[in-house]
Each structure stands twice: as structure tokens, then as C-alpha cells.
């Protein structure tokens, strides 16, 4: 039976004291839009833009620019941390999985890579929680994402915000906000392998 991570998130939020610090991994501006709208009243959010999977580098920069545009238009108090483009790191962890279909083992490795970096930074810089915007997409498996979050929560001893942001019209809302703010819309997940599946 699938776990309803939306309900788990609502329970976590209901029991929060003050506004804890959240390091939120973001893949792009569109996916971040409805997630930020949902969370900014409950958390002090810093965004981590760490996406070595995105190909080519021009696409990486385009998505980063769109994320900054969203923040400037909605809440310019939110800080964005950007680690830098490191495509070799992604190539290294998915070696041997190049022919996997999107949504398979290659994607799981990619999720783990990005979430682990988020957990490490969150722990080092004393955030209260870490999370990712990835579950807002109907193409991303929230069960897989949250299981990775749970593993990393235990490994680094830092709380993971369980979530399924596509629930309660989250994905639909992200599309509405993308239109409202005229955000760049990509037409593939991000990596060089997903380009061929678009």
C-alpha cells in the first residue's frame, strides 16, 4: 500500500513550533512555484540549486535564471544557494544505466545524489529540515523520493520533510503560477538521456 506523504507533511506542519529553517532542493522555477507558496508561511526557506544531471550547461543556466526570476517576483527574501555545474558527478553515478527508461534505476540514483548533497549541507549549516521540490511533478515517484529522504534523515541525523507536492492540485498550481510569472518551461526532465524520451 502506498504511503500518503501529503498527510504526513500536514501532520509535521501542524506540530511545528516557530518557523524552522528548511533547506529546499529545487530543480527549476516552475516546480518551485507552488511548493514555495505552500511552505513559506511555515518555514524559513533557503533554496539549494544543485542539479548536475541537467544537460547541457546552457539548459542548467536557463533553469537557474528562471528560478531567480521566480524568487524576484514572489519573495526576494529567499536565498538561493548554487553549488555550480558538475555534470561529471552525474555521469559517474549513472554509469552503466544509460539505457534505462526514465523513472527507472538511473533516476533513483540521480534523486539520491541530489538529496544527499542537500542533507549534507543542511546538517553542516544547522538547518532543521531538508526537502526537495521534485515530488510536485507527476513524472517523479514520490514513494521513491520519500524513501530516499528517510534513509538520508537517518544517515545524517537531520529531519526530512516528507511530502508529495503534486497532491491537492500542486502540479496544476505550479502551471498556473508559471503562466502568471511567464516562466521558462522546459520540455524534458533534464539529463542527456531524457532528451531522447521527450
N, C-alpha and C. Protein backbone atom coordinates (compact mmCIF):
# COMPACT_ATOMS: atom_id res chain seq x y z
N UNK A 1 0.83 -1.20 0.00
CA UNK A 1 0.00 0.00 0.00
C UNK A 1 0.87 1.26 0.00
N UNK A 2 0.50 2.24 -0.82
CA UNK A 2 1.30 3.46 -0.92
C UNK A 2 1.06 4.36 0.29
N UNK A 3 2.12 4.99 0.74
CA UNK A 3 2.03 5.95 1.84
C UNK A 3 1.58 7.29 1.30
N UNK A 4 0.66 7.96 2.01
CA UNK A 4 0.23 9.30 1.62
C UNK A 4 1.12 10.32 2.32
N UNK A 5 2.14 10.77 1.60
CA UNK A 5 3.12 11.68 2.19
C UNK A 5 2.58 13.09 2.36
N UNK A 6 1.53 13.42 1.64
CA UNK A 6 0.87 14.72 1.82
C UNK A 6 0.31 14.82 3.25
N UNK A 7 -0.35 13.76 3.71
CA UNK A 7 -0.93 13.74 5.06
C UNK A 7 0.18 13.80 6.10
N UNK A 8 1.28 13.09 5.87
CA UNK A 8 2.41 13.12 6.81
C UNK A 8 2.96 14.53 6.90
N UNK A 9 3.10 15.21 5.75
CA UNK A 9 3.60 16.59 5.76
C UNK A 9 2.66 17.51 6.54
N UNK A 10 1.38 17.35 6.32
CA UNK A 10 0.40 18.19 7.04
C UNK A 10 0.50 17.99 8.55
N UNK A 11 0.74 16.75 8.98
CA UNK A 11 0.91 16.47 10.41
C UNK A 11 2.17 17.12 10.96
N UNK A 12 3.25 17.06 10.18
CA UNK A 12 4.51 17.70 10.60
C UNK A 12 4.29 19.20 10.76
N UNK A 13 3.67 19.82 9.76
CA UNK A 13 3.44 21.27 9.78
C UNK A 13 2.55 21.68 10.95
N UNK A 14 1.56 20.88 11.22
CA UNK A 14 0.60 21.17 12.30
C UNK A 14 1.29 21.23 13.66
N UNK A 15 2.38 20.46 13.80
CA UNK A 15 3.06 20.37 15.09
C UNK A 15 4.35 21.20 15.16
N UNK A 16 4.56 22.07 14.18
CA UNK A 16 5.76 22.91 14.20
C UNK A 16 5.68 23.98 15.27
N UNK A 17 6.84 24.29 15.81
CA UNK A 17 6.94 25.43 16.73
C UNK A 17 7.82 26.47 16.06
N UNK A 18 7.37 27.72 16.11
CA UNK A 18 8.07 28.82 15.44
C UNK A 18 8.15 28.53 13.93
N UNK A 19 9.18 29.03 13.26
CA UNK A 19 9.37 28.76 11.83
C UNK A 19 10.75 28.13 11.66
N UNK A 20 10.81 26.80 11.58
CA UNK A 20 12.11 26.16 11.43
C UNK A 20 12.78 26.48 10.11
N UNK A 21 14.09 26.28 10.08
CA UNK A 21 14.88 26.51 8.86
C UNK A 21 14.82 25.28 7.97
N UNK A 22 14.47 25.50 6.70
CA UNK A 22 14.34 24.42 5.73
C UNK A 22 15.28 24.67 4.55
N UNK A 23 16.09 23.67 4.24
CA UNK A 23 16.89 23.73 3.01
C UNK A 23 16.13 22.93 1.96
N UNK A 24 15.65 23.64 0.95
CA UNK A 24 14.77 23.06 -0.06
C UNK A 24 15.51 22.89 -1.38
N UNK A 25 15.78 21.65 -1.75
CA UNK A 25 16.38 21.40 -3.06
C UNK A 25 15.36 21.74 -4.15
N UNK A 26 15.77 22.51 -5.15
CA UNK A 26 14.88 22.89 -6.24
C UNK A 26 15.50 22.52 -7.58
N UNK A 27 14.68 21.97 -8.45
CA UNK A 27 15.16 21.57 -9.78
C UNK A 27 14.96 22.66 -10.82
N UNK A 28 13.94 23.51 -10.60
CA UNK A 28 13.65 24.58 -11.57
C UNK A 28 12.64 25.55 -10.97
N UNK A 29 12.36 26.63 -11.68
CA UNK A 29 11.44 27.65 -11.19
C UNK A 29 10.00 27.17 -11.14
N UNK A 30 9.56 26.47 -12.18
CA UNK A 30 8.16 26.05 -12.23
C UNK A 30 7.83 25.09 -11.08
N UNK A 31 8.68 24.09 -10.88
CA UNK A 31 8.42 23.14 -9.79
C UNK A 31 8.49 23.82 -8.42
N UNK A 32 9.28 24.85 -8.30
CA UNK A 32 9.42 25.55 -7.02
C UNK A 32 8.22 26.43 -6.69
N UNK A 33 7.51 26.90 -7.71
CA UNK A 33 6.50 27.94 -7.52
C UNK A 33 5.40 27.55 -6.53
N UNK A 34 4.71 26.46 -6.77
CA UNK A 34 3.61 26.07 -5.88
C UNK A 34 4.12 25.53 -4.55
N UNK A 35 5.33 24.94 -4.58
CA UNK A 35 5.92 24.42 -3.34
C UNK A 35 6.23 25.57 -2.38
N UNK A 36 6.83 26.62 -2.90
CA UNK A 36 7.13 27.78 -2.07
C UNK A 36 5.86 28.43 -1.55
N UNK A 37 4.86 28.49 -2.40
CA UNK A 37 3.58 29.06 -1.98
C UNK A 37 3.01 28.28 -0.79
N UNK A 38 3.19 26.95 -0.81
CA UNK A 38 2.68 26.10 0.27
C UNK A 38 3.49 26.23 1.56
N UNK A 39 4.80 26.41 1.44
CA UNK A 39 5.67 26.27 2.61
C UNK A 39 6.15 27.56 3.27
N UNK A 40 6.10 28.68 2.57
CA UNK A 40 6.72 29.89 3.12
C UNK A 40 6.08 30.39 4.41
N UNK A 41 4.84 30.07 4.66
CA UNK A 41 4.21 30.50 5.92
C UNK A 41 4.67 29.68 7.11
N UNK A 42 5.29 28.53 6.85
CA UNK A 42 5.63 27.60 7.92
C UNK A 42 7.12 27.44 8.16
N UNK A 43 7.94 27.80 7.16
CA UNK A 43 9.39 27.59 7.26
C UNK A 43 10.15 28.83 6.81
N UNK A 44 11.32 29.02 7.37
CA UNK A 44 12.31 29.95 6.82
C UNK A 44 13.11 29.15 5.80
N UNK A 45 12.89 29.47 4.54
CA UNK A 45 13.40 28.62 3.45
C UNK A 45 14.64 29.21 2.78
N UNK A 46 15.61 28.32 2.56
CA UNK A 46 16.72 28.60 1.66
C UNK A 46 16.63 27.56 0.56
N UNK A 47 16.80 27.99 -0.68
CA UNK A 47 16.74 27.07 -1.82
C UNK A 47 18.15 26.62 -2.18
N UNK A 48 18.29 25.33 -2.42
CA UNK A 48 19.54 24.78 -2.93
C UNK A 48 19.34 24.38 -4.39
N UNK A 49 20.05 25.03 -5.28
CA UNK A 49 20.00 24.67 -6.69
C UNK A 49 21.21 23.79 -6.98
N UNK A 50 21.00 22.49 -6.87
CA UNK A 50 22.06 21.51 -7.12
C UNK A 50 21.52 20.47 -8.08
N UNK A 51 21.92 20.57 -9.34
CA UNK A 51 21.36 19.72 -10.40
C UNK A 51 22.41 19.35 -11.44
N UNK A 52 23.38 18.51 -11.06
CA UNK A 52 24.43 18.14 -12.01
C UNK A 52 23.92 17.26 -13.15
N UNK A 53 22.67 16.82 -13.04
CA UNK A 53 22.06 15.99 -14.08
C UNK A 53 21.64 16.79 -15.31
N UNK A 54 21.44 18.09 -15.15
CA UNK A 54 20.87 18.88 -16.25
C UNK A 54 21.89 19.03 -17.39
N UNK A 55 21.41 18.84 -18.60
CA UNK A 55 22.26 18.87 -19.78
C UNK A 55 21.54 19.60 -20.91
N UNK A 56 22.26 20.43 -21.66
CA UNK A 56 23.64 20.87 -21.49
C UNK A 56 23.74 21.99 -20.45
N UNK A 57 24.94 22.55 -20.29
CA UNK A 57 25.13 23.59 -19.27
C UNK A 57 24.26 24.81 -19.54
N UNK A 58 24.00 25.11 -20.82
CA UNK A 58 23.13 26.25 -21.15
C UNK A 58 21.73 26.05 -20.57
N UNK A 59 21.26 24.81 -20.59
CA UNK A 59 19.94 24.48 -20.03
C UNK A 59 19.96 24.65 -18.50
N UNK A 60 21.06 24.21 -17.89
CA UNK A 60 21.25 24.38 -16.45
C UNK A 60 21.14 25.86 -16.07
N UNK A 61 21.83 26.71 -16.82
CA UNK A 61 21.83 28.14 -16.54
C UNK A 61 20.44 28.76 -16.78
N UNK A 62 19.74 28.28 -17.80
CA UNK A 62 18.41 28.79 -18.13
C UNK A 62 17.44 28.50 -16.98
N UNK A 63 17.51 27.30 -16.43
CA UNK A 63 16.63 26.92 -15.33
C UNK A 63 16.99 27.68 -14.04
N UNK A 64 18.28 27.90 -13.86
CA UNK A 64 18.72 28.68 -12.69
C UNK A 64 18.22 30.13 -12.80
N UNK A 65 18.34 30.68 -13.97
CA UNK A 65 17.87 32.06 -14.21
C UNK A 65 16.36 32.16 -13.97
N UNK A 66 15.61 31.14 -14.39
CA UNK A 66 14.15 31.12 -14.19
C UNK A 66 13.80 31.04 -12.71
N UNK A 67 14.57 30.24 -11.97
CA UNK A 67 14.36 30.14 -10.53
C UNK A 67 14.58 31.50 -9.86
N UNK A 68 15.64 32.19 -10.25
CA UNK A 68 15.92 33.52 -9.69
C UNK A 68 14.81 34.51 -10.06
N UNK A 69 14.31 34.40 -11.27
CA UNK A 69 13.20 35.26 -11.72
C UNK A 69 11.97 35.05 -10.84
N UNK A 70 11.65 33.79 -10.56
CA UNK A 70 10.51 33.47 -9.69
C UNK A 70 10.68 34.10 -8.32
N UNK A 71 11.85 33.95 -7.73
CA UNK A 71 12.11 34.49 -6.38
C UNK A 71 11.99 36.01 -6.40
N UNK A 72 12.54 36.64 -7.41
CA UNK A 72 12.47 38.11 -7.52
C UNK A 72 11.03 38.60 -7.63
N UNK A 73 10.18 37.81 -8.26
CA UNK A 73 8.79 38.23 -8.46
C UNK A 73 7.88 37.88 -7.27
N UNK A 74 8.31 36.93 -6.44
CA UNK A 74 7.42 36.45 -5.37
C UNK A 74 7.91 36.72 -3.96
N UNK A 75 9.18 36.44 -3.69
CA UNK A 75 9.69 36.59 -2.32
C UNK A 75 11.20 36.75 -2.36
N UNK A 76 11.64 37.97 -2.59
CA UNK A 76 13.08 38.18 -2.77
C UNK A 76 13.89 38.07 -1.48
N UNK A 77 13.24 37.69 -0.38
CA UNK A 77 13.98 37.44 0.86
C UNK A 77 14.55 36.03 0.90
N UNK A 78 14.07 35.17 0.01
CA UNK A 78 14.57 33.79 -0.03
C UNK A 78 15.94 33.76 -0.69
N UNK A 79 16.88 33.13 0.00
CA UNK A 79 18.24 33.00 -0.54
C UNK A 79 18.32 31.75 -1.40
N UNK A 80 19.08 31.84 -2.49
CA UNK A 80 19.34 30.66 -3.33
C UNK A 80 20.82 30.33 -3.24
N UNK A 81 21.11 29.08 -2.86
CA UNK A 81 22.49 28.60 -2.88
C UNK A 81 22.67 27.82 -4.17
N UNK A 82 23.73 28.14 -4.90
CA UNK A 82 24.01 27.42 -6.14
C UNK A 82 25.42 26.88 -6.05
N UNK A 83 25.56 25.57 -6.16
CA UNK A 83 26.86 24.92 -5.95
C UNK A 83 27.76 25.03 -7.18
N UNK A 84 27.17 25.07 -8.35
CA UNK A 84 27.97 25.09 -9.58
C UNK A 84 27.67 23.85 -10.41
N UNK A 85 27.96 23.95 -11.68
CA UNK A 85 27.63 22.88 -12.62
C UNK A 85 28.70 21.79 -12.58
N UNK A 86 28.29 20.55 -12.33
CA UNK A 86 29.22 19.44 -12.19
C UNK A 86 28.66 18.19 -12.88
N UNK A 87 28.58 18.24 -14.20
CA UNK A 87 27.97 17.15 -14.97
C UNK A 87 28.73 15.83 -14.81
N UNK A 88 30.04 15.92 -14.54
CA UNK A 88 30.85 14.70 -14.38
C UNK A 88 30.38 13.86 -13.19
N UNK A 89 29.91 14.55 -12.15
CA UNK A 89 29.41 13.84 -10.96
C UNK A 89 28.20 12.98 -11.32
N UNK A 90 27.30 13.56 -12.10
CA UNK A 90 26.11 12.81 -12.54
C UNK A 90 26.52 11.64 -13.43
N UNK A 91 27.40 11.89 -14.41
CA UNK A 91 27.85 10.83 -15.33
C UNK A 91 28.45 9.66 -14.56
N UNK A 92 29.19 10.00 -13.52
CA UNK A 92 29.87 8.98 -12.70
C UNK A 92 28.86 8.07 -11.98
N UNK A 93 27.81 8.66 -11.41
CA UNK A 93 26.90 7.84 -10.61
C UNK A 93 25.90 7.05 -11.45
N UNK A 94 25.69 7.46 -12.71
CA UNK A 94 24.73 6.72 -13.55
C UNK A 94 25.42 5.84 -14.59
N UNK A 95 26.73 5.72 -14.49
CA UNK A 95 27.46 4.90 -15.45
C UNK A 95 26.92 3.47 -15.45
N UNK A 96 26.62 2.95 -16.63
CA UNK A 96 26.06 1.61 -16.74
C UNK A 96 24.54 1.60 -16.80
N UNK A 97 23.94 2.77 -16.52
CA UNK A 97 22.47 2.87 -16.52
C UNK A 97 21.95 3.77 -17.64
N UNK A 98 22.82 4.04 -18.61
CA UNK A 98 22.48 4.99 -19.67
C UNK A 98 21.24 4.60 -20.47
N UNK A 99 20.98 3.31 -20.61
CA UNK A 99 19.86 2.86 -21.45
C UNK A 99 18.57 2.63 -20.65
N UNK A 100 18.61 2.89 -19.35
CA UNK A 100 17.41 2.75 -18.52
C UNK A 100 16.32 3.73 -18.99
N UNK A 101 15.09 3.32 -18.89
CA UNK A 101 13.98 4.23 -19.19
C UNK A 101 13.86 5.28 -18.08
N UNK A 102 13.33 6.44 -18.43
CA UNK A 102 13.09 7.47 -17.42
C UNK A 102 12.14 6.93 -16.35
N UNK A 103 12.49 7.19 -15.10
CA UNK A 103 11.71 6.68 -13.98
C UNK A 103 12.30 5.42 -13.37
N UNK A 104 13.37 4.89 -13.98
CA UNK A 104 13.99 3.65 -13.50
C UNK A 104 15.16 3.89 -12.56
N UNK A 105 16.11 2.94 -12.59
CA UNK A 105 17.25 2.96 -11.65
C UNK A 105 18.12 4.21 -11.81
N UNK A 106 18.27 4.69 -13.04
CA UNK A 106 19.09 5.88 -13.26
C UNK A 106 18.51 7.08 -12.52
N UNK A 107 17.19 7.23 -12.59
CA UNK A 107 16.53 8.35 -11.91
C UNK A 107 16.67 8.23 -10.39
N UNK A 108 16.55 7.01 -9.87
CA UNK A 108 16.69 6.80 -8.43
C UNK A 108 18.07 7.23 -7.96
N UNK A 109 19.10 6.86 -8.73
CA UNK A 109 20.48 7.28 -8.40
C UNK A 109 20.61 8.81 -8.43
N UNK A 110 19.97 9.42 -9.42
CA UNK A 110 20.01 10.87 -9.57
C UNK A 110 19.32 11.55 -8.38
N UNK A 111 18.15 11.04 -7.99
CA UNK A 111 17.44 11.59 -6.83
C UNK A 111 18.34 11.51 -5.59
N UNK A 112 18.96 10.34 -5.41
CA UNK A 112 19.80 10.13 -4.23
C UNK A 112 20.97 11.12 -4.20
N UNK A 113 21.62 11.28 -5.34
CA UNK A 113 22.74 12.21 -5.44
C UNK A 113 22.35 13.61 -4.98
N UNK A 114 21.24 14.11 -5.51
CA UNK A 114 20.84 15.49 -5.21
C UNK A 114 20.31 15.64 -3.79
N UNK A 115 19.56 14.65 -3.34
CA UNK A 115 19.04 14.72 -1.97
C UNK A 115 20.14 14.54 -0.93
N UNK A 116 21.13 13.70 -1.23
CA UNK A 116 22.22 13.52 -0.27
C UNK A 116 23.02 14.80 -0.11
N UNK A 117 23.29 15.49 -1.21
CA UNK A 117 24.01 16.76 -1.11
C UNK A 117 23.21 17.76 -0.29
N UNK A 118 21.90 17.76 -0.46
CA UNK A 118 21.02 18.66 0.31
C UNK A 118 21.09 18.32 1.79
N UNK A 119 21.03 17.04 2.12
CA UNK A 119 21.09 16.60 3.52
C UNK A 119 22.43 16.97 4.15
N UNK A 120 23.52 16.77 3.42
CA UNK A 120 24.86 17.10 3.94
C UNK A 120 24.97 18.58 4.28
N UNK A 121 24.53 19.42 3.35
CA UNK A 121 24.62 20.87 3.56
C UNK A 121 23.69 21.30 4.70
N UNK A 122 22.50 20.73 4.71
CA UNK A 122 21.54 21.06 5.77
C UNK A 122 22.10 20.72 7.14
N UNK A 123 22.75 19.59 7.25
CA UNK A 123 23.36 19.16 8.52
C UNK A 123 24.51 20.09 8.90
N UNK A 124 25.39 20.33 7.95
CA UNK A 124 26.58 21.15 8.20
C UNK A 124 26.20 22.58 8.59
N UNK A 125 25.16 23.12 7.96
CA UNK A 125 24.80 24.52 8.21
C UNK A 125 23.64 24.67 9.19
N UNK A 126 23.34 23.57 9.89
CA UNK A 126 22.38 23.59 11.01
C UNK A 126 20.96 24.01 10.63
N UNK A 127 20.48 23.46 9.52
CA UNK A 127 19.06 23.61 9.19
C UNK A 127 18.26 22.62 10.04
N UNK A 128 16.99 22.88 10.18
CA UNK A 128 16.14 21.97 10.95
C UNK A 128 15.58 20.85 10.07
N UNK A 129 15.35 21.15 8.79
CA UNK A 129 14.77 20.19 7.85
C UNK A 129 15.44 20.32 6.49
N UNK A 130 15.34 19.25 5.69
CA UNK A 130 15.67 19.34 4.27
C UNK A 130 14.54 18.68 3.48
N UNK A 131 14.44 19.02 2.20
CA UNK A 131 13.33 18.55 1.37
C UNK A 131 13.68 18.82 -0.09
N UNK A 132 12.82 18.39 -1.01
CA UNK A 132 13.00 18.67 -2.43
C UNK A 132 11.66 19.01 -3.08
N UNK A 133 11.72 19.79 -4.12
CA UNK A 133 10.52 20.13 -4.90
C UNK A 133 10.14 19.03 -5.89
N UNK A 134 10.98 18.03 -6.06
CA UNK A 134 10.82 17.06 -7.14
C UNK A 134 9.46 16.35 -7.15
N UNK A 135 8.86 16.15 -5.98
CA UNK A 135 7.61 15.38 -5.94
C UNK A 135 6.41 16.13 -6.51
N UNK A 136 6.59 17.40 -6.88
CA UNK A 136 5.48 18.14 -7.49
C UNK A 136 5.18 17.63 -8.91
N UNK A 137 6.16 17.01 -9.52
CA UNK A 137 5.99 16.52 -10.90
C UNK A 137 5.26 15.18 -10.91
N UNK A 138 4.28 15.03 -11.80
CA UNK A 138 3.60 13.74 -11.93
C UNK A 138 4.52 12.66 -12.50
N UNK A 139 5.67 13.06 -13.02
CA UNK A 139 6.64 12.11 -13.58
C UNK A 139 7.65 11.60 -12.56
N UNK A 140 7.58 12.15 -11.34
CA UNK A 140 8.52 11.74 -10.29
C UNK A 140 7.78 10.92 -9.23
N UNK A 141 8.38 9.80 -8.86
CA UNK A 141 7.76 8.87 -7.92
C UNK A 141 7.97 9.35 -6.48
N UNK A 142 6.90 9.83 -5.87
CA UNK A 142 7.01 10.37 -4.51
C UNK A 142 7.35 9.28 -3.49
N UNK A 143 6.94 8.04 -3.76
CA UNK A 143 7.29 6.93 -2.85
C UNK A 143 8.81 6.75 -2.82
N UNK A 144 9.42 6.75 -3.99
CA UNK A 144 10.88 6.60 -4.10
C UNK A 144 11.58 7.78 -3.45
N UNK A 145 11.15 8.99 -3.77
CA UNK A 145 11.78 10.19 -3.22
C UNK A 145 11.74 10.21 -1.70
N UNK A 146 10.60 9.90 -1.13
CA UNK A 146 10.46 9.96 0.33
C UNK A 146 11.21 8.83 1.03
N UNK A 147 11.33 7.68 0.37
CA UNK A 147 12.14 6.59 0.96
C UNK A 147 13.61 6.99 0.99
N UNK A 148 14.06 7.67 -0.06
CA UNK A 148 15.45 8.19 -0.07
C UNK A 148 15.60 9.22 1.05
N UNK A 149 14.62 10.12 1.17
CA UNK A 149 14.66 11.12 2.24
C UNK A 149 14.75 10.47 3.61
N UNK A 150 14.02 9.39 3.81
CA UNK A 150 14.04 8.68 5.10
C UNK A 150 15.41 8.08 5.38
N UNK A 151 16.01 7.47 4.36
CA UNK A 151 17.36 6.90 4.51
C UNK A 151 18.36 7.98 4.91
N UNK A 152 18.29 9.12 4.22
CA UNK A 152 19.24 10.21 4.47
C UNK A 152 18.97 10.90 5.81
N UNK A 153 17.72 10.97 6.22
CA UNK A 153 17.36 11.51 7.53
C UNK A 153 18.10 10.74 8.63
N UNK A 154 18.10 9.42 8.50
CA UNK A 154 18.77 8.57 9.49
C UNK A 154 20.30 8.65 9.36
N UNK A 155 20.77 8.67 8.12
CA UNK A 155 22.22 8.70 7.88
C UNK A 155 22.87 9.97 8.42
N UNK A 156 22.22 11.11 8.22
CA UNK A 156 22.81 12.39 8.61
C UNK A 156 22.19 13.01 9.87
N UNK A 157 21.22 12.31 10.44
CA UNK A 157 20.58 12.77 11.66
C UNK A 157 20.05 14.20 11.52
N UNK A 158 19.27 14.39 10.46
CA UNK A 158 18.60 15.67 10.23
C UNK A 158 17.21 15.39 9.67
N UNK A 159 16.22 16.13 10.09
CA UNK A 159 14.83 15.83 9.74
C UNK A 159 14.54 16.10 8.25
N UNK A 160 13.85 15.15 7.67
CA UNK A 160 13.40 15.27 6.28
C UNK A 160 11.92 15.64 6.29
N UNK A 161 11.55 16.61 5.48
CA UNK A 161 10.14 16.98 5.36
C UNK A 161 9.49 16.08 4.32
N UNK A 162 8.77 15.07 4.79
CA UNK A 162 8.06 14.15 3.90
C UNK A 162 6.99 14.94 3.15
N UNK A 163 6.82 14.63 1.87
CA UNK A 163 5.91 15.46 1.07
C UNK A 163 5.53 14.75 -0.23
N UNK A 164 4.41 15.17 -0.76
CA UNK A 164 4.02 14.81 -2.13
C UNK A 164 3.34 16.06 -2.68
N UNK A 165 4.15 16.96 -3.22
CA UNK A 165 3.67 18.28 -3.58
C UNK A 165 2.69 18.30 -4.75
N UNK A 166 2.61 17.19 -5.50
CA UNK A 166 1.64 17.16 -6.60
C UNK A 166 0.21 17.02 -6.08
N UNK A 167 0.05 16.53 -4.85
CA UNK A 167 -1.28 16.35 -4.25
C UNK A 167 -1.95 17.71 -4.04
N UNK A 168 -3.25 17.66 -3.88
CA UNK A 168 -4.05 18.87 -3.67
C UNK A 168 -3.79 19.92 -4.74
N UNK A 169 -3.74 19.43 -5.99
CA UNK A 169 -3.61 20.31 -7.17
C UNK A 169 -2.26 21.05 -7.23
N UNK A 170 -1.26 20.52 -6.57
CA UNK A 170 0.05 21.18 -6.55
C UNK A 170 0.67 21.36 -7.92
N UNK A 171 0.58 20.30 -8.74
CA UNK A 171 1.13 20.39 -10.09
C UNK A 171 0.35 21.39 -10.93
N UNK A 172 -0.96 21.34 -10.83
CA UNK A 172 -1.81 22.29 -11.56
C UNK A 172 -1.48 23.72 -11.15
N UNK A 173 -1.31 23.93 -9.86
CA UNK A 173 -1.00 25.28 -9.37
C UNK A 173 0.36 25.76 -9.88
N UNK A 174 1.31 24.86 -9.98
CA UNK A 174 2.63 25.25 -10.49
C UNK A 174 2.53 25.72 -11.95
N UNK A 175 1.65 25.09 -12.71
CA UNK A 175 1.44 25.52 -14.10
C UNK A 175 0.76 26.89 -14.17
N UNK A 176 -0.19 27.12 -13.27
CA UNK A 176 -0.87 28.43 -13.22
C UNK A 176 0.13 29.53 -12.88
N UNK A 177 1.00 29.26 -11.91
CA UNK A 177 1.99 30.27 -11.50
C UNK A 177 3.03 30.48 -12.59
N UNK A 178 3.37 29.43 -13.32
CA UNK A 178 4.32 29.56 -14.42
C UNK A 178 3.78 30.52 -15.48
N UNK A 179 2.49 30.40 -15.76
CA UNK A 179 1.86 31.31 -16.73
C UNK A 179 1.81 32.73 -16.18
N UNK A 180 1.42 32.84 -14.92
CA UNK A 180 1.30 34.16 -14.29
C UNK A 180 2.62 34.93 -14.34
N UNK A 181 3.72 34.25 -14.05
CA UNK A 181 5.03 34.91 -14.00
C UNK A 181 5.84 34.75 -15.27
N UNK A 182 5.22 34.14 -16.29
CA UNK A 182 5.88 33.96 -17.59
C UNK A 182 7.24 33.25 -17.43
N UNK A 183 7.20 32.09 -16.78
CA UNK A 183 8.43 31.34 -16.51
C UNK A 183 8.78 30.42 -17.68
N UNK A 184 10.07 30.28 -17.93
CA UNK A 184 10.55 29.36 -18.96
C UNK A 184 10.12 27.94 -18.61
N UNK A 185 9.56 27.24 -19.58
CA UNK A 185 9.10 25.86 -19.38
C UNK A 185 9.96 24.90 -20.20
N UNK A 186 10.67 24.04 -19.52
CA UNK A 186 11.49 23.03 -20.19
C UNK A 186 10.59 21.91 -20.71
N UNK A 187 11.07 21.18 -21.72
CA UNK A 187 10.24 20.11 -22.27
C UNK A 187 10.88 18.73 -22.11
N UNK A 188 11.84 18.62 -21.19
CA UNK A 188 12.40 17.31 -20.82
C UNK A 188 12.90 17.41 -19.38
N UNK A 189 13.06 16.24 -18.75
CA UNK A 189 13.40 16.21 -17.33
C UNK A 189 14.68 16.98 -17.04
N UNK A 190 15.73 16.70 -17.81
CA UNK A 190 16.97 17.43 -17.55
C UNK A 190 18.22 16.78 -18.09
N UNK A 191 18.35 15.46 -17.92
CA UNK A 191 19.61 14.83 -18.32
C UNK A 191 19.64 14.53 -19.82
N UNK A 192 20.83 14.22 -20.30
CA UNK A 192 21.01 13.97 -21.74
C UNK A 192 20.23 12.76 -22.22
N UNK A 193 19.95 11.83 -21.31
CA UNK A 193 19.20 10.62 -21.68
C UNK A 193 17.71 10.90 -21.79
N UNK A 194 17.23 11.83 -20.97
CA UNK A 194 15.79 12.16 -21.01
C UNK A 194 15.41 13.00 -22.23
N UNK A 195 16.39 13.65 -22.85
CA UNK A 195 16.10 14.44 -24.06
C UNK A 195 15.49 13.54 -25.13
N UNK A 196 16.02 12.33 -25.25
CA UNK A 196 15.54 11.41 -26.28
C UNK A 196 14.15 10.84 -25.99
N UNK A 197 13.68 11.04 -24.76
CA UNK A 197 12.37 10.49 -24.38
C UNK A 197 11.28 11.56 -24.38
N UNK A 198 11.64 12.81 -24.72
CA UNK A 198 10.65 13.89 -24.65
C UNK A 198 9.64 13.79 -25.77
